[in-house]
C-alpha atoms as a PDB file:
ATOM      1  CA  MET A   1       2.688  -1.444  27.637  1.00  0.00           C
ATOM      2  CA  SER A   2       3.415  -2.782  31.477  1.00  0.00           C
ATOM      3  CA  GLY A   3       1.935  -0.132  33.634  1.00  0.00           C
ATOM      4  CA  GLY A   4      -0.727   1.485  31.197  1.00  0.00           C
ATOM      5  CA  ARG A   5       1.842   4.510  30.247  1.00  0.00           C
ATOM      6  CA  LYS A   6       2.018   5.479  26.581  1.00  0.00           C
ATOM      7  CA  LEU A   7       3.855   4.118  24.078  1.00  0.00           C
ATOM      8  CA  ARG A   8       7.131   6.561  23.335  1.00  0.00           C
ATOM      9  CA  ALA A   9       6.931   7.262  19.223  1.00  0.00           C
ATOM     10  CA  GLY A  10       9.532   8.744  16.888  1.00  0.00           C
ATOM     11  CA  LEU A  11       8.986   9.626  13.446  1.00  0.00           C
ATOM     12  CA  ILE A  12      11.823  10.170  10.703  1.00  0.00           C
ATOM     13  CA  GLY A  13      11.565  12.207   8.138  1.00  0.00           C
ATOM     14  CA  LEU A  14       9.084  15.526   7.524  1.00  0.00           C
ATOM     15  CA  GLY A  15       8.459  15.326   3.885  1.00  0.00           C
ATOM     16  CA  ALA A  16       3.859  15.884   3.008  1.00  0.00           C
ATOM     17  CA  MET A  17       3.741  11.797   4.112  1.00  0.00           C
ATOM     18  CA  GLY A  18       5.905  12.681   7.647  1.00  0.00           C
ATOM     19  CA  ARG A  19       3.753  15.618   8.252  1.00  0.00           C
ATOM     20  CA  ASN A  20       0.602  13.650   7.902  1.00  0.00           C
ATOM     21  CA  HIS A  21       2.606  10.851  10.136  1.00  0.00           C
ATOM     22  CA  ALA A  22       3.373  13.462  12.719  1.00  0.00           C
ATOM     23  CA  ARG A  23      -1.119  15.052  12.947  1.00  0.00           C
ATOM     24  CA  VAL A  24      -2.052  11.092  13.793  1.00  0.00           C
ATOM     25  CA  LEU A  25       0.661  10.407  16.360  1.00  0.00           C
ATOM     26  CA  SER A  26      -0.140  13.878  17.780  1.00  0.00           C
ATOM     27  CA  ASN A  27      -3.308  12.703  18.900  1.00  0.00           C
ATOM     28  CA  LEU A  28      -3.033   8.788  18.888  1.00  0.00           C
ATOM     29  CA  ASP A  29      -4.345   7.443  21.924  1.00  0.00           C
ATOM     30  CA  GLY A  30      -1.900   5.890  24.016  1.00  0.00           C
ATOM     31  CA  VAL A  31       1.174   7.207  22.191  1.00  0.00           C
ATOM     32  CA  GLU A  32       3.406  10.012  23.016  1.00  0.00           C
ATOM     33  CA  LEU A  33       5.131  11.912  19.791  1.00  0.00           C
ATOM     34  CA  VAL A  34       8.738  12.274  21.592  1.00  0.00           C
ATOM     35  CA  GLY A  35      10.897  13.571  18.354  1.00  0.00           C
ATOM     36  CA  ILE A  36      10.783  13.691  14.872  1.00  0.00           C
ATOM     37  CA  VAL A  37      14.339  13.711  12.924  1.00  0.00           C
ATOM     38  CA  ASP A  38      14.503  16.190   9.778  1.00  0.00           C
ATOM     39  CA  PRO A  39      17.350  17.701   9.188  1.00  0.00           C
ATOM     40  CA  ALA A  40      15.616  20.772   7.497  1.00  0.00           C
ATOM     41  CA  GLY A  41      13.969  21.530  10.962  1.00  0.00           C
ATOM     42  CA  ASP A  42      10.138  22.708  12.153  1.00  0.00           C
ATOM     43  CA  THR A  43       9.837  25.350   8.881  1.00  0.00           C
ATOM     44  CA  THR A  44       6.074  25.949  10.107  1.00  0.00           C
ATOM     45  CA  GLY A  45       6.725  25.909  13.553  1.00  0.00           C
ATOM     46  CA  THR A  46       3.500  24.212  14.153  1.00  0.00           C
ATOM     47  CA  LEU A  47       5.162  20.789  15.598  1.00  0.00           C
ATOM     48  CA  ARG A  48       4.406  19.728  18.997  1.00  0.00           C
ATOM     49  CA  ALA A  49       7.334  17.194  19.577  1.00  0.00           C
ATOM     50  CA  PRO A  50      11.258  18.450  19.294  1.00  0.00           C
ATOM     51  CA  VAL A  51      12.873  18.507  15.633  1.00  0.00           C
ATOM     52  CA  VAL A  52      16.335  17.168  15.475  1.00  0.00           C
ATOM     53  CA  PRO A  53      19.201  16.665  13.156  1.00  0.00           C
ATOM     54  CA  GLN A  54      19.887  12.954  13.928  1.00  0.00           C
ATOM     55  CA  LEU A  55      18.628   9.712  14.190  1.00  0.00           C
ATOM     56  CA  GLY A  56      21.202   9.330  16.867  1.00  0.00           C
ATOM     57  CA  ASP A  57      19.267  11.783  18.785  1.00  0.00           C
ATOM     58  CA  LEU A  58      15.941  10.586  18.620  1.00  0.00           C
ATOM     59  CA  LEU A  59      17.291   7.068  19.883  1.00  0.00           C
ATOM     60  CA  ALA A  60      18.983   8.997  22.914  1.00  0.00           C
ATOM     61  CA  MET A  61      15.445   9.814  23.574  1.00  0.00           C
ATOM     62  CA  GLY A  62      14.294   6.072  24.742  1.00  0.00           C
ATOM     63  CA  ILE A  63      11.369   5.783  22.037  1.00  0.00           C
ATOM     64  CA  ASP A  64       9.314   2.092  21.384  1.00  0.00           C
ATOM     65  CA  TYR A  65       8.903   2.673  17.273  1.00  0.00           C
ATOM     66  CA  ALA A  66       9.595   4.487  14.926  1.00  0.00           C
ATOM     67  CA  VAL A  67       7.637   5.714  11.989  1.00  0.00           C
ATOM     68  CA  VAL A  68      10.019   5.921   8.797  1.00  0.00           C
ATOM     69  CA  ALA A  69       8.815   8.302   6.288  1.00  0.00           C
ATOM     70  CA  CYS A  70      11.970   9.853   4.715  1.00  0.00           C
ATOM     71  CA  PRO A  71      13.604   9.063   0.850  1.00  0.00           C
ATOM     72  CA  THR A  72      13.008   5.273  -0.207  1.00  0.00           C
ATOM     73  CA  ALA A  73      16.731   5.318  -0.325  1.00  0.00           C
ATOM     74  CA  LEU A  74      17.213   5.895   3.322  1.00  0.00           C
ATOM     75  CA  HIS A  75      14.912   3.114   4.003  1.00  0.00           C
ATOM     76  CA  GLU A  76      17.610   0.182   4.695  1.00  0.00           C
ATOM     77  CA  PRO A  77      20.350   2.347   6.332  1.00  0.00           C
ATOM     78  CA  VAL A  78      17.391   4.383   8.934  1.00  0.00           C
ATOM     79  CA  GLY A  79      15.774   0.467   9.690  1.00  0.00           C
ATOM     80  CA  LEU A  80      18.712  -1.534  10.391  1.00  0.00           C
ATOM     81  CA  GLU A  81      20.211   1.459  12.678  1.00  0.00           C
ATOM     82  CA  LEU A  82      16.399   1.588  14.745  1.00  0.00           C
ATOM     83  CA  ALA A  83      16.635  -2.968  14.457  1.00  0.00           C
ATOM     84  CA  ALA A  84      20.030  -2.374  16.262  1.00  0.00           C
ATOM     85  CA  ASN A  85      18.887  -0.523  18.571  1.00  0.00           C
ATOM     86  CA  GLY A  86      16.271  -2.459  19.898  1.00  0.00           C
ATOM     87  CA  VAL A  87      13.372   0.011  18.333  1.00  0.00           C
ATOM     88  CA  CYS A  88       9.791  -1.351  16.429  1.00  0.00           C
ATOM     89  CA  ALA A  89       9.259   0.288  12.691  1.00  0.00           C
ATOM     90  CA  LEU A  90       6.547   1.323  10.756  1.00  0.00           C
ATOM     91  CA  ILE A  91       8.090   1.735   7.378  1.00  0.00           C
ATOM     92  CA  GLU A  92       6.824   3.677   4.853  1.00  0.00           C
ATOM     93  CA  LYS A  93       5.824   1.872   1.566  1.00  0.00           C
ATOM     94  CA  PRO A  94       7.543   1.004  -0.273  1.00  0.00           C
ATOM     95  CA  LEU A  95       9.815  -0.970   2.032  1.00  0.00           C
ATOM     96  CA  ALA A  96      13.079  -0.757   0.118  1.00  0.00           C
ATOM     97  CA  GLN A  97      14.129   0.350  -3.303  1.00  0.00           C
ATOM     98  CA  SER A  98      15.733  -3.018  -4.382  1.00  0.00           C
ATOM     99  CA  VAL A  99      14.601  -6.770  -3.017  1.00  0.00           C
ATOM    100  CA  GLN A 100      18.111  -6.732  -1.746  1.00  0.00           C
ATOM    101  CA  ALA A 101      17.879  -3.957   0.204  1.00  0.00           C
ATOM    102  CA  ALA A 102      14.104  -5.257   1.548  1.00  0.00           C
ATOM    103  CA  THR A 103      15.350  -8.515   2.458  1.00  0.00           C
ATOM    104  CA  ARG A 104      18.159  -7.089   4.748  1.00  0.00           C
ATOM    105  CA  LEU A 105      15.884  -5.633   6.345  1.00  0.00           C
ATOM    106  CA  VAL A 106      13.133  -8.065   7.079  1.00  0.00           C
ATOM    107  CA  GLU A 107      16.383 -10.064   8.761  1.00  0.00           C
ATOM    108  CA  ALA A 108      17.231  -7.673  10.746  1.00  0.00           C
ATOM    109  CA  PHE A 109      13.759  -7.214  12.082  1.00  0.00           C
ATOM    110  CA  GLU A 110      13.418 -10.364  12.902  1.00  0.00           C
ATOM    111  CA  SER A 111      16.553 -11.699  13.549  1.00  0.00           C
ATOM    112  CA  ALA A 112      15.908  -9.095  16.719  1.00  0.00           C
ATOM    113  CA  GLY A 113      12.182  -9.979  17.598  1.00  0.00           C
ATOM    114  CA  LEU A 114      10.768  -6.422  16.761  1.00  0.00           C
ATOM    115  CA  VAL A 115       7.630  -5.751  15.441  1.00  0.00           C
ATOM    116  CA  ALA A 116       7.855  -4.085  12.230  1.00  0.00           C
ATOM    117  CA  GLY A 117       6.094  -3.195   9.532  1.00  0.00           C
ATOM    118  CA  VAL A 118       5.248  -1.581   6.256  1.00  0.00           C
ATOM    119  CA  GLY A 119       2.647   1.588   5.638  1.00  0.00           C
ATOM    120  CA  HIS A 120       1.033  -0.059   2.183  1.00  0.00           C
ATOM    121  CA  ILE A 121      -2.148   2.413   3.391  1.00  0.00           C
ATOM    122  CA  GLU A 122      -4.741   1.729   0.975  1.00  0.00           C
ATOM    123  CA  ARG A 123      -4.899  -1.747   3.211  1.00  0.00           C
ATOM    124  CA  TYR A 124      -7.262   0.701   5.103  1.00  0.00           C
ATOM    125  CA  ASN A 125      -9.305   2.291   2.657  1.00  0.00           C
ATOM    126  CA  PRO A 126     -12.982   1.359   4.038  1.00  0.00           C
ATOM    127  CA  ALA A 127     -14.118   0.568   0.190  1.00  0.00           C
ATOM    128  CA  LEU A 128     -11.103  -1.534   0.054  1.00  0.00           C
ATOM    129  CA  GLN A 129     -11.792  -3.603   3.296  1.00  0.00           C
ATOM    130  CA  ASN A 130     -15.535  -3.584   2.513  1.00  0.00           C
ATOM    131  CA  LEU A 131     -14.650  -5.375  -0.721  1.00  0.00           C
ATOM    132  CA  ARG A 132     -12.305  -8.084   0.603  1.00  0.00           C
ATOM    133  CA  THR A 133     -15.023  -8.883   2.913  1.00  0.00           C
ATOM    134  CA  ARG A 134     -17.364  -8.999   0.340  1.00  0.00           C
ATOM    135  CA  LEU A 135     -15.237 -11.443  -1.309  1.00  0.00           C
ATOM    136  CA  GLU A 136     -14.208 -13.618   1.080  1.00  0.00           C
ATOM    137  CA  ALA A 137     -18.497 -14.276   1.391  1.00  0.00           C
ATOM    138  CA  GLY A 138     -18.377 -15.016  -2.438  1.00  0.00           C
ATOM    139  CA  GLU A 139     -20.562 -12.903  -3.307  1.00  0.00           C
ATOM    140  CA  LEU A 140     -18.811 -12.284  -6.726  1.00  0.00           C
ATOM    141  CA  GLY A 141     -17.842 -15.785  -7.385  1.00  0.00           C
ATOM    142  CA  GLU A 142     -14.958 -16.586  -8.833  1.00  0.00           C
ATOM    143  CA  VAL A 143     -12.835 -13.816  -9.859  1.00  0.00           C
ATOM    144  CA  PHE A 144     -11.831 -13.144 -12.698  1.00  0.00           C
ATOM    145  CA  GLN A 145      -9.852  -9.845 -13.620  1.00  0.00           C
ATOM    146  CA  VAL A 146      -8.711  -6.988 -11.466  1.00  0.00           C
ATOM    147  CA  VAL A 147      -8.025  -3.828 -13.050  1.00  0.00           C
ATOM    148  CA  THR A 148      -6.671  -0.890 -11.373  1.00  0.00           C
ATOM    149  CA  ARG A 149      -6.310   2.376 -12.397  1.00  0.00           C
ATOM    150  CA  ARG A 150      -3.479   5.368 -10.474  1.00  0.00           C
ATOM    151  CA  GLN A 151      -3.194   8.292 -11.965  1.00  0.00           C
ATOM    152  CA  GLY A 152      -2.263  11.785 -11.396  1.00  0.00           C
ATOM    153  CA  PRO A 153       0.643  15.034 -11.535  1.00  0.00           C
ATOM    154  CA  PHE A 154       3.800  13.645 -10.820  1.00  0.00           C
ATOM    155  CA  PRO A 155       4.102  14.524  -6.845  1.00  0.00           C
ATOM    156  CA  HIS A 156       7.882  16.614  -6.461  1.00  0.00           C
ATOM    157  CA  ARG A 157       8.560  15.102  -2.786  1.00  0.00           C
ATOM    158  CA  ILE A 158      10.057  12.088  -4.577  1.00  0.00           C
ATOM    159  CA  ALA A 159      13.405  11.940  -6.296  1.00  0.00           C
ATOM    160  CA  ASP A 160      14.385   8.567  -5.857  1.00  0.00           C
ATOM    161  CA  VAL A 161      12.174   6.230  -7.212  1.00  0.00           C
ATOM    162  CA  GLY A 162       9.888   5.992 -10.034  1.00  0.00           C
ATOM    163  CA  VAL A 163       6.423   5.274 -10.575  1.00  0.00           C
ATOM    164  CA  VAL A 164       6.258   1.919 -10.317  1.00  0.00           C
ATOM    165  CA  MET A 165       8.121   1.505  -6.580  1.00  0.00           C
ATOM    166  CA  ASP A 166       6.234   4.995  -5.717  1.00  0.00           C
ATOM    167  CA  LEU A 167       2.456   4.250  -7.007  1.00  0.00           C
ATOM    168  CA  ALA A 168       2.505   0.389  -8.754  1.00  0.00           C
ATOM    169  CA  THR A 169       3.639  -0.752  -5.174  1.00  0.00           C
ATOM    170  CA  HIS A 170       0.348   0.654  -3.651  1.00  0.00           C
ATOM    171  CA  ASP A 171      -2.001  -2.084  -6.349  1.00  0.00           C
ATOM    172  CA  ILE A 172       0.476  -4.848  -6.227  1.00  0.00           C
ATOM    173  CA  ASP A 173      -0.490  -4.804  -2.542  1.00  0.00           C
ATOM    174  CA  LEU A 174      -3.632  -4.374  -2.752  1.00  0.00           C
ATOM    175  CA  THR A 175      -4.197  -6.789  -5.045  1.00  0.00           C
ATOM    176  CA  ALA A 176      -2.626  -9.711  -3.865  1.00  0.00           C
ATOM    177  CA  TRP A 177      -4.283  -8.844  -0.203  1.00  0.00           C
ATOM    178  CA  VAL A 178      -8.135  -8.383  -1.122  1.00  0.00           C
ATOM    179  CA  THR A 179      -7.510 -11.167  -3.350  1.00  0.00           C
ATOM    180  CA  GLY A 180      -5.664 -13.477  -0.798  1.00  0.00           C
ATOM    181  CA  GLN A 181      -3.688 -14.625  -4.196  1.00  0.00           C
ATOM    182  CA  GLU A 182       0.009 -14.034  -5.178  1.00  0.00           C
ATOM    183  CA  TYR A 183       1.146 -12.948  -8.025  1.00  0.00           C
ATOM    184  CA  THR A 184       2.819 -15.587 -10.552  1.00  0.00           C
ATOM    185  CA  SER A 185       4.420 -13.362 -13.384  1.00  0.00           C
ATOM    186  CA  VAL A 186       3.927  -9.904 -14.678  1.00  0.00           C
ATOM    187  CA  SER A 187       4.249  -7.956 -18.309  1.00  0.00           C
ATOM    188  CA  ALA A 188       5.327  -4.611 -18.447  1.00  0.00           C
ATOM    189  CA  ARG A 189       6.048  -1.334 -20.534  1.00  0.00           C
ATOM    190  CA  THR A 190       6.947   2.000 -18.954  1.00  0.00           C
ATOM    191  CA  VAL A 191       8.152   5.149 -20.519  1.00  0.00           C
ATOM    192  CA  SER A 192       9.551   8.542 -19.402  1.00  0.00           C
ATOM    193  CA  ARG A 193       8.204  11.612 -20.909  1.00  0.00           C
ATOM    194  CA  SER A 194       9.342  13.764 -18.047  1.00  0.00           C
ATOM    195  CA  GLY A 195      12.738  13.949 -18.500  1.00  0.00           C
ATOM    196  CA  ARG A 196      13.586  12.356 -15.017  1.00  0.00           C
ATOM    197  CA  LEU A 197      16.299   9.758 -14.301  1.00  0.00           C
ATOM    198  CA  HIS A 198      13.427   7.284 -13.632  1.00  0.00           C
ATOM    199  CA  GLU A 199       9.771   6.251 -15.035  1.00  0.00           C
ATOM    200  CA  ASP A 200       6.808   8.087 -15.069  1.00  0.00           C
ATOM    201  CA  MET A 201       4.662   5.461 -16.530  1.00  0.00           C
ATOM    202  CA  VAL A 202       3.966   1.893 -16.494  1.00  0.00           C
ATOM    203  CA  ALA A 203       1.293  -0.367 -18.042  1.00  0.00           C
ATOM    204  CA  VAL A 204       1.221  -3.761 -16.353  1.00  0.00           C
ATOM    205  CA  VAL A 205      -0.447  -7.493 -17.361  1.00  0.00           C
ATOM    206  CA  GLY A 206      -0.258  -9.697 -14.344  1.00  0.00           C
ATOM    207  CA  GLN A 207      -1.486 -12.798 -13.429  1.00  0.00           C
ATOM    208  CA  LEU A 208      -2.207 -14.344  -9.948  1.00  0.00           C
ATOM    209  CA  ALA A 209      -1.564 -18.041  -8.791  1.00  0.00           C
ATOM    210  CA  ASP A 210      -5.605 -18.659  -9.362  1.00  0.00           C
ATOM    211  CA  GLY A 211      -5.608 -17.744 -13.206  1.00  0.00           C
ATOM    212  CA  THR A 212      -6.881 -14.343 -12.466  1.00  0.00           C
ATOM    213  CA  MET A 213      -6.043 -11.794 -14.661  1.00  0.00           C
ATOM    214  CA  VAL A 214      -4.503  -8.439 -13.707  1.00  0.00           C
ATOM    215  CA  ASN A 215      -4.016  -5.122 -14.829  1.00  0.00           C
ATOM    216  CA  HIS A 216      -2.481  -1.894 -13.865  1.00  0.00           C
ATOM    217  CA  LEU A 217      -2.119   1.595 -15.094  1.00  0.00           C
ATOM    218  CA  VAL A 218      -0.213   3.703 -13.228  1.00  0.00           C
ATOM    219  CA  ASN A 219       1.411   7.387 -14.176  1.00  0.00           C
ATOM    220  CA  TRP A 220       2.431  10.645 -12.869  1.00  0.00           C
ATOM    221  CA  LEU A 221       1.574  12.291 -16.222  1.00  0.00           C
ATOM    222  CA  SER A 222      -2.326  13.074 -16.077  1.00  0.00           C
ATOM    223  CA  PRO A 223      -3.795  16.175 -14.693  1.00  0.00           C
ATOM    224  CA  LEU A 224      -6.631  13.759 -13.783  1.00  0.00           C
ATOM    225  CA  LYS A 225      -6.328  12.288 -10.172  1.00  0.00           C
ATOM    226  CA  GLU A 226      -7.434   8.633 -10.361  1.00  0.00           C
ATOM    227  CA  ARG A 227      -7.712   5.783  -7.937  1.00  0.00           C
ATOM    228  CA  SER A 228      -9.533   3.362  -9.324  1.00  0.00           C
ATOM    229  CA  THR A 229      -9.333  -0.669  -8.565  1.00  0.00           C
ATOM    230  CA  VAL A 230     -12.740  -2.888 -10.605  1.00  0.00           C
ATOM    231  CA  ILE A 231     -12.737  -6.656  -9.674  1.00  0.00           C
ATOM    232  CA  THR A 232     -14.736  -8.328 -12.502  1.00  0.00           C
ATOM    233  CA  GLY A 233     -16.464 -12.400 -11.749  1.00  0.00           C
ATOM    234  CA  ASP A 234     -19.001 -14.444 -12.386  1.00  0.00           C
ATOM    235  CA  ARG A 235     -22.061 -12.544 -10.845  1.00  0.00           C
ATOM    236  CA  GLY A 236     -20.769  -9.068 -11.692  1.00  0.00           C
ATOM    237  CA  CYS A 237     -18.228  -6.160 -11.029  1.00  0.00           C
ATOM    238  CA  PHE A 238     -17.128  -4.267  -7.780  1.00  0.00           C
ATOM    239  CA  VAL A 239     -15.778  -0.741  -8.238  1.00  0.00           C
ATOM    240  CA  ALA A 240     -13.422   0.894  -5.293  1.00  0.00           C
ATOM    241  CA  ASP A 241     -12.930   4.230  -5.851  1.00  0.00           C
ATOM    242  CA  THR A 242     -10.024   5.045  -3.204  1.00  0.00           C
ATOM    243  CA  LEU A 243     -10.226   8.370  -3.290  1.00  0.00           C
ATOM    244  CA  THR A 244     -13.407   8.925  -2.048  1.00  0.00           C
ATOM    245  CA  ALA A 245     -14.040   5.561  -0.204  1.00  0.00           C
ATOM    246  CA  ASP A 246     -16.844   4.339  -2.771  1.00  0.00           C
ATOM    247  CA  LEU A 247     -17.758   0.802  -3.246  1.00  0.00           C
ATOM    248  CA  THR A 248     -20.249   0.207  -5.977  1.00  0.00           C
ATOM    249  CA  PHE A 249     -21.269  -3.045  -7.430  1.00  0.00           C
ATOM    250  CA  TYR A 250     -23.292  -3.523 -10.826  1.00  0.00           C
ATOM    251  CA  ALA A 251     -24.407  -7.079 -10.943  1.00  0.00           C
ATOM    252  CA  ASN A 252     -24.738  -9.473 -13.758  1.00  0.00           C
ATOM    253  CA  GLY A 253     -28.507  -8.834 -15.725  1.00  0.00           C
ATOM    254  CA  ALA A 254     -31.360 -11.109 -14.517  1.00  0.00           C
ATOM    255  CA  ILE A 255     -34.291  -9.629 -16.614  1.00  0.00           C
ATOM    256  CA  ASP A 256     -33.988  -9.465 -20.229  1.00  0.00           C
ATOM    257  CA  THR A 257     -34.496  -6.457 -22.336  1.00  0.00           C
ATOM    258  CA  GLU A 258     -37.136  -6.763 -24.512  1.00  0.00           C
ATOM    259  CA  TRP A 259     -37.111  -3.495 -26.427  1.00  0.00           C
ATOM    260  CA  GLU A 260     -34.773  -4.413 -28.901  1.00  0.00           C
ATOM    261  CA  ALA A 261     -33.163  -1.221 -30.022  1.00  0.00           C
ATOM    262  CA  LEU A 262     -32.257  -1.071 -26.481  1.00  0.00           C
ATOM    263  CA  ARG A 263     -30.923  -4.221 -25.747  1.00  0.00           C
ATOM    264  CA  ALA A 264     -28.424  -3.538 -28.855  1.00  0.00           C
ATOM    265  CA  PHE A 265     -27.029  -0.308 -27.006  1.00  0.00           C
ATOM    266  CA  ARG A 266     -26.755  -1.926 -23.781  1.00  0.00           C
ATOM    267  CA  GLY A 267     -26.191  -5.297 -23.948  1.00  0.00           C
ATOM    268  CA  VAL A 268     -28.647  -8.090 -21.901  1.00  0.00           C
ATOM    269  CA  ALA A 269     -26.494  -8.684 -19.082  1.00  0.00           C
ATOM    270  CA  GLU A 270     -27.381  -5.255 -17.655  1.00  0.00           C
ATOM    271  CA  GLY A 271     -28.602  -5.717 -14.272  1.00  0.00           C
ATOM    272  CA  ASP A 272     -28.929  -3.910 -10.659  1.00  0.00           C
ATOM    273  CA  MET A 273     -26.446  -1.345  -9.374  1.00  0.00           C
ATOM    274  CA  VAL A 274     -25.679  -1.050  -5.778  1.00  0.00           C
ATOM    275  CA  ARG A 275     -23.787   1.658  -3.620  1.00  0.00           C
ATOM    276  CA  TYR A 276     -23.085   0.703  -0.833  1.00  0.00           C
ATOM    277  CA  ALA A 277     -23.173   2.487   2.422  1.00  0.00           C
ATOM    278  CA  ILE A 278     -19.979   2.678   4.582  1.00  0.00           C
ATOM    279  CA  PRO A 279     -18.512   3.845   7.872  1.00  0.00           C
ATOM    280  CA  LYS A 280     -15.540   5.915   6.306  1.00  0.00           C
ATOM    281  CA  ARG A 281     -12.299   6.203   8.996  1.00  0.00           C
ATOM    282  CA  GLU A 282      -9.294   7.688   7.838  1.00  0.00           C
ATOM    283  CA  PRO A 283      -7.099   4.986   6.881  1.00  0.00           C
ATOM    284  CA  LEU A 284      -3.896   6.652   8.348  1.00  0.00           C
ATOM    285  CA  LEU A 285      -5.280   6.482  11.505  1.00  0.00           C
ATOM    286  CA  VAL A 286      -6.394   3.379  11.207  1.00  0.00           C
ATOM    287  CA  GLU A 287      -2.947   1.993   9.653  1.00  0.00           C
ATOM    288  CA  HIS A 288      -1.652   3.745  13.235  1.00  0.00           C
ATOM    289  CA  GLU A 289      -4.215   2.224  15.209  1.00  0.00           C
ATOM    290  CA  ARG A 290      -3.112  -0.875  14.011  1.00  0.00           C
ATOM    291  CA  PHE A 291       0.252  -0.704  14.655  1.00  0.00           C
ATOM    292  CA  ARG A 292       0.271   0.689  17.725  1.00  0.00           C
ATOM    293  CA  ASP A 293      -1.585  -2.637  18.901  1.00  0.00           C
ATOM    294  CA  ALA A 294       0.925  -4.463  17.590  1.00  0.00           C
ATOM    295  CA  VAL A 295       3.522  -3.000  19.585  1.00  0.00           C
ATOM    296  CA  GLU A 296       1.677  -3.609  22.857  1.00  0.00           C
ATOM    297  CA  GLY A 297       1.525  -7.022  21.537  1.00  0.00           C
ATOM    298  CA  LYS A 298      -2.360  -7.241  20.854  1.00  0.00           C
ATOM    299  CA  GLN A 299      -3.632  -9.075  18.095  1.00  0.00           C
ATOM    300  CA  SER A 300      -3.555  -6.702  15.049  1.00  0.00           C
ATOM    301  CA  ASP A 301      -3.453  -6.990  11.332  1.00  0.00           C
ATOM    302  CA  ILE A 302      -0.746  -5.386  10.368  1.00  0.00           C
ATOM    303  CA  VAL A 303       1.279  -5.545   7.216  1.00  0.00           C
ATOM    304  CA  THR A 304       4.077  -7.259   7.638  1.00  0.00           C
ATOM    305  CA  LEU A 305       7.901  -6.777   5.839  1.00  0.00           C
ATOM    306  CA  ARG A 306       7.643 -10.049   3.949  1.00  0.00           C
ATOM    307  CA  GLN A 307       4.625  -9.096   2.743  1.00  0.00           C
ATOM    308  CA  GLY A 308       5.930  -5.984   2.072  1.00  0.00           C
ATOM    309  CA  LEU A 309       9.103  -7.758   0.364  1.00  0.00           C
ATOM    310  CA  ARG A 310       6.902  -9.462  -2.072  1.00  0.00           C
ATOM    311  CA  THR A 311       5.401  -6.394  -3.397  1.00  0.00           C
ATOM    312  CA  VAL A 312       9.135  -5.093  -3.865  1.00  0.00           C
ATOM    313  CA  GLN A 313       9.683  -8.732  -5.587  1.00  0.00           C
ATOM    314  CA  VAL A 314       6.340  -8.307  -8.150  1.00  0.00           C
ATOM    315  CA  ALA A 315       7.567  -4.271  -8.747  1.00  0.00           C
ATOM    316  CA  ALA A 316      11.260  -5.323  -9.439  1.00  0.00           C
ATOM    317  CA  GLY A 317       9.408  -7.929 -11.679  1.00  0.00           C
ATOM    318  CA  LEU A 318       7.791  -5.366 -13.603  1.00  0.00           C
ATOM    319  CA  LEU A 319      11.215  -2.811 -14.008  1.00  0.00           C
ATOM    320  CA  GLU A 320      12.885  -6.593 -15.538  1.00  0.00           C
ATOM    321  CA  SER A 321      10.007  -7.235 -17.502  1.00  0.00           C
ATOM    322  CA  ALA A 322       9.952  -3.071 -18.970  1.00  0.00           C
ATOM    323  CA  SER A 323      13.820  -3.814 -19.211  1.00  0.00           C
ATOM    324  CA  ILE A 324      13.857  -6.478 -21.578  1.00  0.00           C
ATOM    325  CA  GLY A 325      10.780  -6.588 -23.024  1.00  0.00           C
ATOM    326  CA  SER A 326       9.261 -10.280 -22.158  1.00  0.00           C
ATOM    327  CA  VAL A 327       7.020 -12.002 -19.567  1.00  0.00           C
ATOM    328  CA  VAL A 328       8.721 -12.147 -16.101  1.00  0.00           C
ATOM    329  CA  THR A 329       8.000 -14.872 -13.642  1.00  0.00           C
ATOM    330  CA  VAL A 330       7.207 -14.001  -9.916  1.00  0.00           C
ATOM    331  CA  ALA A 331       8.463 -16.714  -8.174  1.00  0.00           C
ATOM    332  CA  SER A 332       6.524 -18.032  -5.088  1.00  0.00           C
ATOM    333  CA  THR A 333       7.490 -17.165  -1.405  1.00  0.00           C
ATOM    334  CA  GLY A 334       5.593 -19.622   0.036  1.00  0.00           C
ATOM    335  CA  SER A 335       5.424 -18.026   3.138  1.00  0.00           C
ATOM    336  CA  ASP A 336       3.418 -14.913   4.962  1.00  0.00           C
ATOM    337  CA  GLN A 337       1.147 -14.599   2.202  1.00  0.00           C
ATOM    338  CA  GLU A 338      -2.765 -13.590   2.828  1.00  0.00           C
ATOM    339  CA  PRO A 339      -4.694 -16.745   2.453  1.00  0.00           C
ATOM    340  CA  ALA A 340      -6.529 -18.051  -0.687  1.00  0.00           C
ATOM    341  CA  LEU A 341     -10.365 -17.020  -0.741  1.00  0.00           C
ATOM    342  CA  ARG A 342     -11.392 -19.256  -2.848  1.00  0.00           C
END
């Protein structure tokens, strides 16, 4: 900003994710957290910024941008009000609960000429950033398959969307981003075993534009918390654990196993295994730094609203496929997509 003043930021929503945003914003260089919106107020008494009940109260404070961390169903009305008042916005994923709502948000911020992004935090996970760099360098050769597993206990903070919009959108976005390829078709099956309105488990088979096969397993029903991305290609496979930000490479074998009994047990394609030592910065902090830079007019790789819209479109395709029991084609958007890596 001109004159070197700090950006004035606001936060909307003090749920589990909202409190993490408040923590990061309170210590972010070049930014002052001036106000927070939550009808329940500050229940802990630990926040540095005042908590107000209405968005209008926050707007009256004069803010440059806002982080939208309220329930997904409120993203559209909150986002539209921010755009109408000339305020930039970082909106938590998913961008909205429907394609129509997400489209209206894209149009509102674009027509106002405002910087806006979506909080797909996995793009800033050190393991996935390092993995994408290695794919860009051709270290895996041709990519054959992307497999993700994202499972754990039910998060009681979620009430307005199911596991597809809440969790699977992570895997949809990271898969398209890491590979640089759009989804072209998806097939999904969902179940609801917890008695809630929305689905709590989904199994997905999909295809990317270059023919890469995609598999996602996502649920809220497991006592095991797992966040795994496995990408297999003609030179081996990468395994990213995004809980620990570890990246491991399993190479195809270059040396035959002469011990017959061991070869039958382990196969002949096993090669070296390498776990990379990579810098590990907090993904949420990196996400905020990138968005701050974008608001200041600097070159920055934020997740654009159009990219967030594309993820919602693919997620809607999963729900449609599960509903009708057949493969759904995902039409190409043809704009604002990640460039192909191969």
